[in-house]
Amino acid sequence: MLKSNLPDIMKEKNITYEELQYLANTAPDTIARARDSRIATCTLRTLEKFAEALRVDVHDLFHQIPCKVNKK
């Protein structure tokens, strides 16, 4: 499972939804999706746009949470 770091990065850089929408040329619903677990549904190109706009690496936008495996 992927967890988005976008809210933290936006807060750290003091970037609003509207500013990111303009800088990355994306729709508000795309930003909303990228801010939660739905980031996994974003295309790589969209993540690249966010990374370029925020001046971070793509891999900084999210981190992976290990899946729990049920052992029997």
C-alpha atoms as a PDB file:
ATOM      1  CA  MET A   1       0.000   0.000   0.000  1.00  0.00           C
ATOM      2  CA  LEU A   2       1.240   3.490  -0.809  1.00  0.00           C
ATOM      3  CA  LYS A   3       0.857   6.439   1.538  1.00  0.00           C
ATOM      4  CA  SER A   4       0.996   9.936   0.143  1.00  0.00           C
ATOM      5  CA  ASN A   5       3.515  12.468   1.438  1.00  0.00           C
ATOM      6  CA  LEU A   6       1.925  15.212  -0.652  1.00  0.00           C
ATOM      7  CA  PRO A   7       0.029  16.906   2.214  1.00  0.00           C
ATOM      8  CA  ASP A   8       3.233  17.176   4.253  1.00  0.00           C
ATOM      9  CA  ILE A   9       5.258  18.464   1.290  1.00  0.00           C
ATOM     10  CA  MET A  10       2.591  21.032   0.418  1.00  0.00           C
ATOM     11  CA  LYS A  11       2.484  22.226   4.034  1.00  0.00           C
ATOM     12  CA  GLU A  12       6.284  22.366   4.272  1.00  0.00           C
ATOM     13  CA  LYS A  13       6.506  24.411   1.070  1.00  0.00           C
ATOM     14  CA  ASN A  14       3.424  26.488   1.934  1.00  0.00           C
ATOM     15  CA  ILE A  15       1.700  25.542  -1.353  1.00  0.00           C
ATOM     16  CA  THR A  16      -2.096  25.609  -1.617  1.00  0.00           C
ATOM     17  CA  TYR A  17      -4.344  23.401  -3.765  1.00  0.00           C
ATOM     18  CA  GLU A  18      -4.827  26.300  -6.148  1.00  0.00           C
ATOM     19  CA  GLU A  19      -1.113  26.988  -6.475  1.00  0.00           C
ATOM     20  CA  LEU A  20      -0.288  23.345  -7.076  1.00  0.00           C
ATOM     21  CA  GLN A  21      -3.137  23.057  -9.560  1.00  0.00           C
ATOM     22  CA  TYR A  22      -1.651  25.976 -11.503  1.00  0.00           C
ATOM     23  CA  LEU A  23       2.003  24.908 -11.209  1.00  0.00           C
ATOM     24  CA  ALA A  24       1.353  21.278 -12.162  1.00  0.00           C
ATOM     25  CA  ASN A  25      -1.465  22.020 -14.622  1.00  0.00           C
ATOM     26  CA  THR A  26      -3.748  19.445 -13.013  1.00  0.00           C
ATOM     27  CA  ALA A  27      -7.345  19.311 -11.854  1.00  0.00           C
ATOM     28  CA  PRO A  28      -8.267  19.769  -8.176  1.00  0.00           C
ATOM     29  CA  ASP A  29      -9.682  16.232  -7.984  1.00  0.00           C
ATOM     30  CA  THR A  30      -6.314  14.886  -9.166  1.00  0.00           C
ATOM     31  CA  ILE A  31      -4.589  16.698  -6.319  1.00  0.00           C
ATOM     32  CA  ALA A  32      -7.168  15.374  -3.857  1.00  0.00           C
ATOM     33  CA  ARG A  33      -6.565  11.833  -5.117  1.00  0.00           C
ATOM     34  CA  ALA A  34      -2.796  12.247  -4.817  1.00  0.00           C
ATOM     35  CA  ARG A  35      -3.115  13.463  -1.227  1.00  0.00           C
ATOM     36  CA  ASP A  36      -4.475  10.164   0.092  1.00  0.00           C
ATOM     37  CA  SER A  37      -4.154   6.427  -0.551  1.00  0.00           C
ATOM     38  CA  ARG A  38      -5.565   6.933  -4.039  1.00  0.00           C
ATOM     39  CA  ILE A  39      -2.117   8.207  -5.014  1.00  0.00           C
ATOM     40  CA  ALA A  40      -1.575   4.660  -6.290  1.00  0.00           C
ATOM     41  CA  THR A  41      -4.074   5.415  -9.072  1.00  0.00           C
ATOM     42  CA  CYS A  42      -2.177   8.481 -10.323  1.00  0.00           C
ATOM     43  CA  THR A  43      -0.174   8.113 -13.488  1.00  0.00           C
ATOM     44  CA  LEU A  44       3.570   8.455 -13.407  1.00  0.00           C
ATOM     45  CA  ARG A  45       3.278  11.564 -15.600  1.00  0.00           C
ATOM     46  CA  THR A  46       0.967  13.182 -13.023  1.00  0.00           C
ATOM     47  CA  LEU A  47       3.397  12.370 -10.221  1.00  0.00           C
ATOM     48  CA  GLU A  48       6.195  13.847 -12.332  1.00  0.00           C
ATOM     49  CA  LYS A  49       4.180  17.056 -12.741  1.00  0.00           C
ATOM     50  CA  PHE A  50       3.708  17.324  -8.973  1.00  0.00           C
ATOM     51  CA  ALA A  51       7.369  16.596  -8.325  1.00  0.00           C
ATOM     52  CA  GLU A  52       8.497  19.219 -10.834  1.00  0.00           C
ATOM     53  CA  ALA A  53       6.095  21.809  -9.430  1.00  0.00           C
ATOM     54  CA  LEU A  54       7.207  21.121  -5.854  1.00  0.00           C
ATOM     55  CA  ARG A  55      10.886  20.696  -6.757  1.00  0.00           C
ATOM     56  CA  VAL A  56      11.166  17.241  -5.197  1.00  0.00           C
ATOM     57  CA  ASP A  57      11.904  13.768  -6.549  1.00  0.00           C
ATOM     58  CA  VAL A  58       8.942  11.615  -7.541  1.00  0.00           C
ATOM     59  CA  HIS A  59       9.785   9.064  -4.859  1.00  0.00           C
ATOM     60  CA  ASP A  60       9.460  11.820  -2.213  1.00  0.00           C
ATOM     61  CA  LEU A  61       5.733  12.053  -2.957  1.00  0.00           C
ATOM     62  CA  PHE A  62       4.890   8.712  -1.345  1.00  0.00           C
ATOM     63  CA  HIS A  63       6.177   5.855   0.737  1.00  0.00           C
ATOM     64  CA  GLN A  64       5.232   2.222   0.863  1.00  0.00           C
ATOM     65  CA  ILE A  65       3.559   0.641   3.857  1.00  0.00           C
ATOM     66  CA  PRO A  66       4.362  -3.064   4.002  1.00  0.00           C
ATOM     67  CA  CYS A  67       1.395  -5.383   3.564  1.00  0.00           C
ATOM     68  CA  LYS A  68       0.597  -7.566   6.535  1.00  0.00           C
ATOM     69  CA  VAL A  69       0.779 -11.236   5.672  1.00  0.00           C
ATOM     70  CA  ASN A  70      -1.336 -13.649   7.669  1.00  0.00           C
ATOM     71  CA  LYS A  71       0.754 -16.599   8.698  1.00  0.00           C
ATOM     72  CA  LYS A  72      -1.134 -19.777   9.505  1.00  0.00           C
END
